[in-house]
Amino acid sequence: MGPRGTRASRATPAPPCHPSRRPRSPCVSDPSEVGIDIIETARIRHVLERHPRRFLDRVYTEWEQMYCRSNILHLSGRWAAKEAVSKVLGLGVRGVGWREIEIRRTRAGQPTVTLHGRAEARRQVLGLRTPLSVSISHIRDLAVAVAVGLR
């Protein structure tokens, strides 16, 4: 039913942000890039058991290593976040080093993205604003992250 008990017409136009609209509808004034990744925590555990120092030093910054303290859930979440950010940058992990994408956290506990070197250069080429946004979640067996970059 429409306003004041009248029937809504089927010819009523869709609101500007309706999902059936083209991606460049008025509700999306700035295009964005989105990346998502999910990983089984067992994969991180396996690599960490086989090559602990080499793995940590190759993938995680000093800050990330101190924060995670070899906690599999935290390491897995940061791995997924780095992968998601690399997808936002349109590179996968080719072209940037793992440590050039750093996942820190605010005092409130929110994850934040800090880009270094080639990752930061790529962000600038794409015209993405800073900071990129990232969300991380994990349970016993899985970690997932979503990253978004806005122009």
Foldseek 3Di string as FASTA:
>chain_A
DDPPPDDDDPPPDDPQPPPVDDPCTPVCVWDKFKFKFKDWLVVVVVVCVVPVVVVCVQAADPQQCVVCVPVSQSVQQLVRQLQGLCVRLVHRCPPDGNHQWHWDADPVGATWTDGDDRSVVSCVVVVWDPDWHKDWDDDNTMIMMMIMTID
